[in-house]
Amino acid sequence: MIAAAPIVNKPEAPAASLPAVRPWRTALLTPLLVIPAVVAIAAWFDAPGLFRSAAGAVFLLMLLVCVVTDLRSRRIYNWATYTAALWAVLLLAVAALLPADRTIEWLGRVEPARLWIARIDSVDALFGFGVAFGIMFFLFSTFGCGGGDLKLLAASGLFLGPERVLEGLIDSYIVAGVAALCFVIWVVGPLAVFAAIVRSATEKIGLPLLFLGPQRDLRPFLKLGMPMAPFYAIGLLTAVYFRPL
């Protein structure tokens, strides 16, 4: 009688995955290629001053990446915001070291060398970071906004300073609110939204309006999350356009 050989389960090969370090490395190195191109195009078309600087190019790149990832995967990744913040700090340090009277001529435009690097100083950048971080941390802890939103706005403060990042944040939520209202009107209809608003206002004063018909609960639609990065981009770019650096 021949004994059966024992069955040995071979360990499964680990699933292949992309190295986690790749997006960080790409995010750190991509600005080296993007900065000259964006600054040249902005100077050629006489764009607002921020975009004619290296810091502005990195800011635009950060917004673009965050909008794409938020729309595709509903996430704003650390490798996009942290690396942009690191670039902001490095560019601010370089701008601070340049002599104030040194100028650079490029594409027929002569400007102080510092302005080609960054449009705000380190103090404004620090205040911008603090204002954005403080407001977003309050929203994060109170209303549960995403941590990626907090990091995106805090990093934006390093590029824009306190006034523009605050204006951009306000503009962002105005645009997002209008978009959310339009979405609800599109889904349930304008009459249902109007009836819900009127009913909510009259019931608080003890005056129910029965002729409006049965109440439709709009809370499920209002609780639907939506990617905020596109609205942040619209708000921040609007603030820069109307208050150029």
C-alpha atoms as a PDB file:
ATOM      1  CA  MET A   1       0.000   0.000   0.000  1.00  0.00           C
ATOM      2  CA  ILE A   2       1.415   3.340  -1.056  1.00  0.00           C
ATOM      3  CA  ALA A   3       0.861   6.261   1.287  1.00  0.00           C
ATOM      4  CA  ALA A   4      -0.497   9.353  -0.313  1.00  0.00           C
ATOM      5  CA  ALA A   5       1.857  12.253  -0.404  1.00  0.00           C
ATOM      6  CA  PRO A   6       0.800  15.132   1.837  1.00  0.00           C
ATOM      7  CA  ILE A   7      -0.703  18.090   0.093  1.00  0.00           C
ATOM      8  CA  VAL A   8       1.262  21.232   0.704  1.00  0.00           C
ATOM      9  CA  ASN A   9      -0.445  24.532  -0.022  1.00  0.00           C
ATOM     10  CA  LYS A  10       1.934  26.860  -1.774  1.00  0.00           C
ATOM     11  CA  PRO A  11       1.850  30.409  -0.473  1.00  0.00           C
ATOM     12  CA  GLU A  12       0.141  32.793  -2.856  1.00  0.00           C
ATOM     13  CA  ALA A  13       2.294  35.350  -4.526  1.00  0.00           C
ATOM     14  CA  PRO A  14       1.567  38.854  -3.260  1.00  0.00           C
ATOM     15  CA  ALA A  15      -0.500  40.955  -5.593  1.00  0.00           C
ATOM     16  CA  ALA A  16       1.523  43.383  -7.631  1.00  0.00           C
ATOM     17  CA  SER A  17       1.010  46.990  -6.664  1.00  0.00           C
ATOM     18  CA  LEU A  18       2.523  50.287  -7.581  1.00  0.00           C
ATOM     19  CA  PRO A  19       5.103  51.561  -5.139  1.00  0.00           C
ATOM     20  CA  ALA A  20       3.605  54.090  -2.767  1.00  0.00           C
ATOM     21  CA  VAL A  21       6.571  56.405  -3.206  1.00  0.00           C
ATOM     22  CA  ARG A  22       5.868  57.032  -6.895  1.00  0.00           C
ATOM     23  CA  PRO A  23       3.140  59.722  -6.579  1.00  0.00           C
ATOM     24  CA  TRP A  24       5.206  61.584  -3.979  1.00  0.00           C
ATOM     25  CA  ARG A  25       8.263  61.584  -6.219  1.00  0.00           C
ATOM     26  CA  THR A  26       6.211  62.666  -9.226  1.00  0.00           C
ATOM     27  CA  ALA A  27       4.514  65.436  -7.263  1.00  0.00           C
ATOM     28  CA  LEU A  28       7.874  66.739  -6.057  1.00  0.00           C
ATOM     29  CA  LEU A  29       9.536  66.742  -9.479  1.00  0.00           C
ATOM     30  CA  THR A  30       6.685  67.763 -11.802  1.00  0.00           C
ATOM     31  CA  PRO A  31       6.867  71.486 -10.871  1.00  0.00           C
ATOM     32  CA  LEU A  32      10.381  71.583 -12.329  1.00  0.00           C
ATOM     33  CA  LEU A  33       8.789  71.052 -15.752  1.00  0.00           C
ATOM     34  CA  VAL A  34       5.562  72.971 -15.154  1.00  0.00           C
ATOM     35  CA  ILE A  35       6.959  76.214 -13.719  1.00  0.00           C
ATOM     36  CA  PRO A  36       8.829  77.465 -16.839  1.00  0.00           C
ATOM     37  CA  ALA A  37       5.923  76.617 -19.145  1.00  0.00           C
ATOM     38  CA  VAL A  38       3.205  78.207 -17.002  1.00  0.00           C
ATOM     39  CA  VAL A  39       5.226  81.347 -16.260  1.00  0.00           C
ATOM     40  CA  ALA A  40       6.072  81.800 -19.946  1.00  0.00           C
ATOM     41  CA  ILE A  41       2.440  81.373 -21.041  1.00  0.00           C
ATOM     42  CA  ALA A  42       1.176  83.676 -18.274  1.00  0.00           C
ATOM     43  CA  ALA A  43       3.723  86.359 -19.171  1.00  0.00           C
ATOM     44  CA  TRP A  44       2.884  86.077 -22.856  1.00  0.00           C
ATOM     45  CA  PHE A  45      -0.858  86.532 -22.241  1.00  0.00           C
ATOM     46  CA  ASP A  46      -0.353  89.125 -19.495  1.00  0.00           C
ATOM     47  CA  ALA A  47      -2.127  86.976 -16.887  1.00  0.00           C
ATOM     48  CA  PRO A  48      -2.530  88.167 -13.273  1.00  0.00           C
ATOM     49  CA  GLY A  49       0.795  88.561 -11.493  1.00  0.00           C
ATOM     50  CA  LEU A  50       0.504  85.431  -9.358  1.00  0.00           C
ATOM     51  CA  PHE A  51       0.569  83.192 -12.413  1.00  0.00           C
ATOM     52  CA  ARG A  52       3.682  84.911 -13.728  1.00  0.00           C
ATOM     53  CA  SER A  53       5.574  83.493 -10.756  1.00  0.00           C
ATOM     54  CA  ALA A  54       6.929  80.074  -9.896  1.00  0.00           C
ATOM     55  CA  ALA A  55       4.667  79.942  -6.845  1.00  0.00           C
ATOM     56  CA  GLY A  56       1.630  80.644  -9.003  1.00  0.00           C
ATOM     57  CA  ALA A  57       2.545  77.796 -11.338  1.00  0.00           C
ATOM     58  CA  VAL A  58       2.785  75.362  -8.423  1.00  0.00           C
ATOM     59  CA  PHE A  59      -0.525  76.679  -7.064  1.00  0.00           C
ATOM     60  CA  LEU A  60      -2.260  76.054 -10.396  1.00  0.00           C
ATOM     61  CA  LEU A  61      -0.764  72.578 -10.608  1.00  0.00           C
ATOM     62  CA  MET A  62      -1.981  71.742  -7.099  1.00  0.00           C
ATOM     63  CA  LEU A  63      -5.510  72.931  -7.902  1.00  0.00           C
ATOM     64  CA  LEU A  64      -5.614  70.963 -11.141  1.00  0.00           C
ATOM     65  CA  VAL A  65      -4.431  67.731  -9.537  1.00  0.00           C
ATOM     66  CA  CYS A  66      -6.810  68.056  -6.590  1.00  0.00           C
ATOM     67  CA  VAL A  67      -9.784  68.775  -8.844  1.00  0.00           C
ATOM     68  CA  VAL A  68      -9.036  65.710 -10.972  1.00  0.00           C
ATOM     69  CA  THR A  69      -8.515  63.334  -8.045  1.00  0.00           C
ATOM     70  CA  ASP A  70     -11.556  64.653  -6.189  1.00  0.00           C
ATOM     71  CA  LEU A  71     -13.777  64.202  -9.231  1.00  0.00           C
ATOM     72  CA  ARG A  72     -12.420  60.733 -10.003  1.00  0.00           C
ATOM     73  CA  SER A  73     -12.010  59.178  -6.562  1.00  0.00           C
ATOM     74  CA  ARG A  74     -13.574  61.736  -4.178  1.00  0.00           C
ATOM     75  CA  ARG A  75     -10.220  62.164  -2.474  1.00  0.00           C
ATOM     76  CA  ILE A  76      -7.643  64.931  -2.142  1.00  0.00           C
ATOM     77  CA  TYR A  77      -4.333  63.207  -1.590  1.00  0.00           C
ATOM     78  CA  ASN A  78      -1.608  64.233   0.818  1.00  0.00           C
ATOM     79  CA  TRP A  79       1.038  63.884  -1.874  1.00  0.00           C
ATOM     80  CA  ALA A  80      -0.668  66.701  -3.823  1.00  0.00           C
ATOM     81  CA  THR A  81      -1.102  69.180  -0.971  1.00  0.00           C
ATOM     82  CA  TYR A  82       1.980  68.444   1.147  1.00  0.00           C
ATOM     83  CA  THR A  83       4.389  68.666  -1.777  1.00  0.00           C
ATOM     84  CA  ALA A  84       2.779  71.918  -2.946  1.00  0.00           C
ATOM     85  CA  ALA A  85       3.169  73.347   0.553  1.00  0.00           C
ATOM     86  CA  LEU A  86       6.823  72.277   0.566  1.00  0.00           C
ATOM     87  CA  TRP A  87       7.373  74.003  -2.771  1.00  0.00           C
ATOM     88  CA  ALA A  88       5.718  77.152  -1.404  1.00  0.00           C
ATOM     89  CA  VAL A  89       8.072  77.223   1.574  1.00  0.00           C
ATOM     90  CA  LEU A  90      11.127  76.681  -0.639  1.00  0.00           C
ATOM     91  CA  LEU A  91      10.104  79.396  -3.093  1.00  0.00           C
ATOM     92  CA  LEU A  92       9.364  81.851  -0.300  1.00  0.00           C
ATOM     93  CA  ALA A  93      12.820  81.166   1.149  1.00  0.00           C
ATOM     94  CA  VAL A  94      14.474  81.752  -2.234  1.00  0.00           C
ATOM     95  CA  ALA A  95      12.512  84.979  -2.774  1.00  0.00           C
ATOM     96  CA  ALA A  96      13.515  86.240   0.675  1.00  0.00           C
ATOM     97  CA  LEU A  97      17.206  85.675  -0.116  1.00  0.00           C
ATOM     98  CA  LEU A  98      17.160  87.625  -3.380  1.00  0.00           C
ATOM     99  CA  PRO A  99      18.250  91.291  -3.277  1.00  0.00           C
ATOM    100  CA  ALA A 100      15.333  93.693  -3.401  1.00  0.00           C
ATOM    101  CA  ASP A 101      16.866  95.750  -6.234  1.00  0.00           C
ATOM    102  CA  ARG A 102      17.646  92.810  -8.504  1.00  0.00           C
ATOM    103  CA  THR A 103      15.495  92.600 -11.636  1.00  0.00           C
ATOM    104  CA  ILE A 104      15.034  89.933 -14.298  1.00  0.00           C
ATOM    105  CA  GLU A 105      13.935  90.522 -17.888  1.00  0.00           C
ATOM    106  CA  TRP A 106      12.060  87.693 -19.551  1.00  0.00           C
ATOM    107  CA  LEU A 107       9.808  87.717 -22.610  1.00  0.00           C
ATOM    108  CA  GLY A 108      10.078  91.485 -22.772  1.00  0.00           C
ATOM    109  CA  ARG A 109       8.914  91.983 -19.190  1.00  0.00           C
ATOM    110  CA  VAL A 110      11.187  93.441 -16.507  1.00  0.00           C
ATOM    111  CA  GLU A 111      10.204  92.751 -12.913  1.00  0.00           C
ATOM    112  CA  PRO A 112      11.964  92.365  -9.564  1.00  0.00           C
ATOM    113  CA  ALA A 113      13.502  88.940  -9.275  1.00  0.00           C
ATOM    114  CA  ARG A 114      11.480  88.195  -6.148  1.00  0.00           C
ATOM    115  CA  LEU A 115       8.210  88.591  -8.038  1.00  0.00           C
ATOM    116  CA  TRP A 116       9.206  85.950 -10.560  1.00  0.00           C
ATOM    117  CA  ILE A 117       9.537  83.535  -7.621  1.00  0.00           C
ATOM    118  CA  ALA A 118       6.633  84.453  -5.304  1.00  0.00           C
ATOM    119  CA  ARG A 119       4.139  87.293  -5.056  1.00  0.00           C
ATOM    120  CA  ILE A 120       3.756  87.462  -1.283  1.00  0.00           C
ATOM    121  CA  ASP A 121       6.282  87.480   1.520  1.00  0.00           C
ATOM    122  CA  SER A 122       6.749  84.919   4.256  1.00  0.00           C
ATOM    123  CA  VAL A 123       4.662  86.857   6.791  1.00  0.00           C
ATOM    124  CA  ASP A 124       1.603  86.992   4.504  1.00  0.00           C
ATOM    125  CA  ALA A 125       2.082  83.331   3.652  1.00  0.00           C
ATOM    126  CA  LEU A 126       2.176  82.374   7.309  1.00  0.00           C
ATOM    127  CA  PHE A 127      -0.952  84.407   8.066  1.00  0.00           C
ATOM    128  CA  GLY A 128      -2.687  82.925   5.029  1.00  0.00           C
ATOM    129  CA  PHE A 129      -1.870  79.422   6.213  1.00  0.00           C
ATOM    130  CA  GLY A 130      -3.097  80.212   9.726  1.00  0.00           C
ATOM    131  CA  VAL A 131      -6.383  81.779   8.585  1.00  0.00           C
ATOM    132  CA  ALA A 132      -7.188  78.943   6.198  1.00  0.00           C
ATOM    133  CA  PHE A 133      -6.179  76.234   8.648  1.00  0.00           C
ATOM    134  CA  GLY A 134      -8.157  77.808  11.492  1.00  0.00           C
ATOM    135  CA  ILE A 135     -11.374  78.179   9.492  1.00  0.00           C
ATOM    136  CA  MET A 136     -11.148  74.751   7.889  1.00  0.00           C
ATOM    137  CA  PHE A 137     -10.285  73.066  11.192  1.00  0.00           C
ATOM    138  CA  PHE A 138     -13.419  74.600  12.700  1.00  0.00           C
ATOM    139  CA  LEU A 139     -15.493  73.299   9.763  1.00  0.00           C
ATOM    140  CA  PHE A 140     -13.746  69.934   9.990  1.00  0.00           C
ATOM    141  CA  SER A 141     -14.418  69.513  13.705  1.00  0.00           C
ATOM    142  CA  THR A 142     -17.942  70.970  13.632  1.00  0.00           C
ATOM    143  CA  PHE A 143     -19.495  69.899  10.349  1.00  0.00           C
ATOM    144  CA  GLY A 144     -17.189  67.061   9.343  1.00  0.00           C
ATOM    145  CA  CYS A 145     -15.696  68.452   6.147  1.00  0.00           C
ATOM    146  CA  GLY A 146     -12.948  66.365   4.602  1.00  0.00           C
ATOM    147  CA  GLY A 147      -9.406  66.425   5.869  1.00  0.00           C
ATOM    148  CA  GLY A 148      -8.214  66.828   2.292  1.00  0.00           C
ATOM    149  CA  ASP A 149     -10.243  70.032   2.032  1.00  0.00           C
ATOM    150  CA  LEU A 150      -8.472  71.373   5.104  1.00  0.00           C
ATOM    151  CA  LYS A 151      -5.035  70.604   3.686  1.00  0.00           C
ATOM    152  CA  LEU A 152      -5.876  72.053   0.261  1.00  0.00           C
ATOM    153  CA  LEU A 153      -7.052  75.378   1.711  1.00  0.00           C
ATOM    154  CA  ALA A 154      -4.177  75.565   4.202  1.00  0.00           C
ATOM    155  CA  ALA A 155      -1.666  75.013   1.403  1.00  0.00           C
ATOM    156  CA  SER A 156      -3.454  77.627  -0.713  1.00  0.00           C
ATOM    157  CA  GLY A 157      -2.978  80.141   2.095  1.00  0.00           C
ATOM    158  CA  LEU A 158       0.786  79.820   1.624  1.00  0.00           C
ATOM    159  CA  PHE A 159       0.403  81.007  -1.970  1.00  0.00           C
ATOM    160  CA  LEU A 160      -2.333  83.636  -1.597  1.00  0.00           C
ATOM    161  CA  GLY A 161      -2.068  85.184   1.856  1.00  0.00           C
ATOM    162  CA  PRO A 162      -4.942  85.758   4.314  1.00  0.00           C
ATOM    163  CA  GLU A 163      -7.207  88.125   2.368  1.00  0.00           C
ATOM    164  CA  ARG A 164      -7.413  86.199  -0.876  1.00  0.00           C
ATOM    165  CA  VAL A 165      -7.704  82.776   0.709  1.00  0.00           C
ATOM    166  CA  LEU A 166     -10.555  84.055   2.890  1.00  0.00           C
ATOM    167  CA  GLU A 167     -12.323  85.615  -0.087  1.00  0.00           C
ATOM    168  CA  GLY A 168     -11.737  82.459  -2.091  1.00  0.00           C
ATOM    169  CA  LEU A 169     -13.192  80.306   0.668  1.00  0.00           C
ATOM    170  CA  ILE A 170     -16.333  82.458   0.860  1.00  0.00           C
ATOM    171  CA  ASP A 171     -16.714  82.422  -2.932  1.00  0.00           C
ATOM    172  CA  SER A 172     -16.232  78.650  -2.938  1.00  0.00           C
ATOM    173  CA  TYR A 173     -19.086  77.970  -0.567  1.00  0.00           C
ATOM    174  CA  ILE A 174     -21.369  80.424  -2.358  1.00  0.00           C
ATOM    175  CA  VAL A 175     -20.771  78.639  -5.666  1.00  0.00           C
ATOM    176  CA  ALA A 176     -21.125  75.222  -3.998  1.00  0.00           C
ATOM    177  CA  GLY A 177     -24.396  76.268  -2.368  1.00  0.00           C
ATOM    178  CA  VAL A 178     -25.810  77.481  -5.674  1.00  0.00           C
ATOM    179  CA  ALA A 179     -24.703  74.262  -7.366  1.00  0.00           C
ATOM    180  CA  ALA A 180     -26.304  72.133  -4.636  1.00  0.00           C
ATOM    181  CA  LEU A 181     -29.572  74.074  -4.911  1.00  0.00           C
ATOM    182  CA  CYS A 182     -29.591  73.668  -8.690  1.00  0.00           C
ATOM    183  CA  PHE A 183     -28.998  69.935  -8.273  1.00  0.00           C
ATOM    184  CA  VAL A 184     -31.933  69.534  -5.881  1.00  0.00           C
ATOM    185  CA  ILE A 185     -34.187  71.603  -8.166  1.00  0.00           C
ATOM    186  CA  TRP A 186     -33.131  69.434 -11.107  1.00  0.00           C
ATOM    187  CA  VAL A 187     -33.918  66.207  -9.219  1.00  0.00           C
ATOM    188  CA  VAL A 188     -37.184  67.030  -7.428  1.00  0.00           C
ATOM    189  CA  GLY A 189     -38.414  70.017  -9.402  1.00  0.00           C
ATOM    190  CA  PRO A 190     -38.668  73.732  -8.587  1.00  0.00           C
ATOM    191  CA  LEU A 191     -42.206  73.502  -7.156  1.00  0.00           C
ATOM    192  CA  ALA A 192     -41.201  70.887  -4.587  1.00  0.00           C
ATOM    193  CA  VAL A 193     -38.228  73.000  -3.495  1.00  0.00           C
ATOM    194  CA  PHE A 194     -40.370  76.148  -3.297  1.00  0.00           C
ATOM    195  CA  ALA A 195     -43.029  74.309  -1.288  1.00  0.00           C
ATOM    196  CA  ALA A 196     -40.448  72.932   1.117  1.00  0.00           C
ATOM    197  CA  ILE A 197     -38.947  76.382   1.698  1.00  0.00           C
ATOM    198  CA  VAL A 198     -42.343  78.044   2.257  1.00  0.00           C
ATOM    199  CA  ARG A 199     -43.550  75.220   4.516  1.00  0.00           C
ATOM    200  CA  SER A 200     -40.391  75.376   6.606  1.00  0.00           C
ATOM    201  CA  ALA A 201     -40.778  79.139   7.074  1.00  0.00           C
ATOM    202  CA  THR A 202     -44.503  79.094   7.904  1.00  0.00           C
ATOM    203  CA  GLU A 203     -44.471  76.095  10.244  1.00  0.00           C
ATOM    204  CA  LYS A 204     -42.019  77.879  12.518  1.00  0.00           C
ATOM    205  CA  ILE A 205     -44.638  80.562  13.188  1.00  0.00           C
ATOM    206  CA  GLY A 206     -47.486  78.051  13.566  1.00  0.00           C
ATOM    207  CA  LEU A 207     -49.066  78.645  10.176  1.00  0.00           C
ATOM    208  CA  PRO A 208     -49.100  75.355   8.262  1.00  0.00           C
ATOM    209  CA  LEU A 209     -50.117  75.712   4.632  1.00  0.00           C
ATOM    210  CA  LEU A 210     -52.033  72.549   3.819  1.00  0.00           C
ATOM    211  CA  PHE A 211     -52.670  73.533   0.237  1.00  0.00           C
ATOM    212  CA  LEU A 212     -49.005  72.933  -0.512  1.00  0.00           C
ATOM    213  CA  GLY A 213     -49.702  69.215  -0.455  1.00  0.00           C
ATOM    214  CA  PRO A 214     -47.757  66.425   1.248  1.00  0.00           C
ATOM    215  CA  GLN A 215     -44.316  67.342   2.447  1.00  0.00           C
ATOM    216  CA  ARG A 216     -41.393  65.884   0.543  1.00  0.00           C
ATOM    217  CA  ASP A 217     -38.305  65.182   2.573  1.00  0.00           C
ATOM    218  CA  LEU A 218     -35.347  66.871   0.884  1.00  0.00           C
ATOM    219  CA  ARG A 219     -32.819  65.921   3.541  1.00  0.00           C
ATOM    220  CA  PRO A 220     -31.535  62.822   1.693  1.00  0.00           C
ATOM    221  CA  PHE A 221     -30.665  65.020  -1.276  1.00  0.00           C
ATOM    222  CA  LEU A 222     -29.052  67.685   0.905  1.00  0.00           C
ATOM    223  CA  LYS A 223     -26.925  65.052   2.655  1.00  0.00           C
ATOM    224  CA  LEU A 224     -25.440  63.799  -0.591  1.00  0.00           C
ATOM    225  CA  GLY A 225     -21.749  64.615  -0.571  1.00  0.00           C
ATOM    226  CA  MET A 226     -20.170  66.334  -3.526  1.00  0.00           C
ATOM    227  CA  PRO A 227     -16.536  66.896  -4.461  1.00  0.00           C
ATOM    228  CA  MET A 228     -15.523  70.325  -3.186  1.00  0.00           C
ATOM    229  CA  ALA A 229     -12.162  70.733  -4.923  1.00  0.00           C
ATOM    230  CA  PRO A 230     -13.726  72.158  -8.130  1.00  0.00           C
ATOM    231  CA  PHE A 231     -15.589  74.763  -6.080  1.00  0.00           C
ATOM    232  CA  TYR A 232     -12.477  75.641  -4.100  1.00  0.00           C
ATOM    233  CA  ALA A 233     -10.620  76.109  -7.377  1.00  0.00           C
ATOM    234  CA  ILE A 234     -13.358  78.380  -8.744  1.00  0.00           C
ATOM    235  CA  GLY A 235     -13.494  80.439  -5.563  1.00  0.00           C
ATOM    236  CA  LEU A 236      -9.741  80.824  -5.146  1.00  0.00           C
ATOM    237  CA  LEU A 237      -9.129  81.691  -8.797  1.00  0.00           C
ATOM    238  CA  THR A 238     -11.984  84.203  -8.674  1.00  0.00           C
ATOM    239  CA  ALA A 239     -10.398  85.870  -5.649  1.00  0.00           C
ATOM    240  CA  VAL A 240      -7.046  86.071  -7.430  1.00  0.00           C
ATOM    241  CA  TYR A 241      -8.651  87.455 -10.590  1.00  0.00           C
ATOM    242  CA  PHE A 242     -10.515  90.279  -8.837  1.00  0.00           C
ATOM    243  CA  ARG A 243      -7.703  90.973  -6.375  1.00  0.00           C
ATOM    244  CA  PRO A 244      -4.539  90.325  -8.419  1.00  0.00           C
ATOM    245  CA  LEU A 245      -1.185  89.935  -6.729  1.00  0.00           C
END
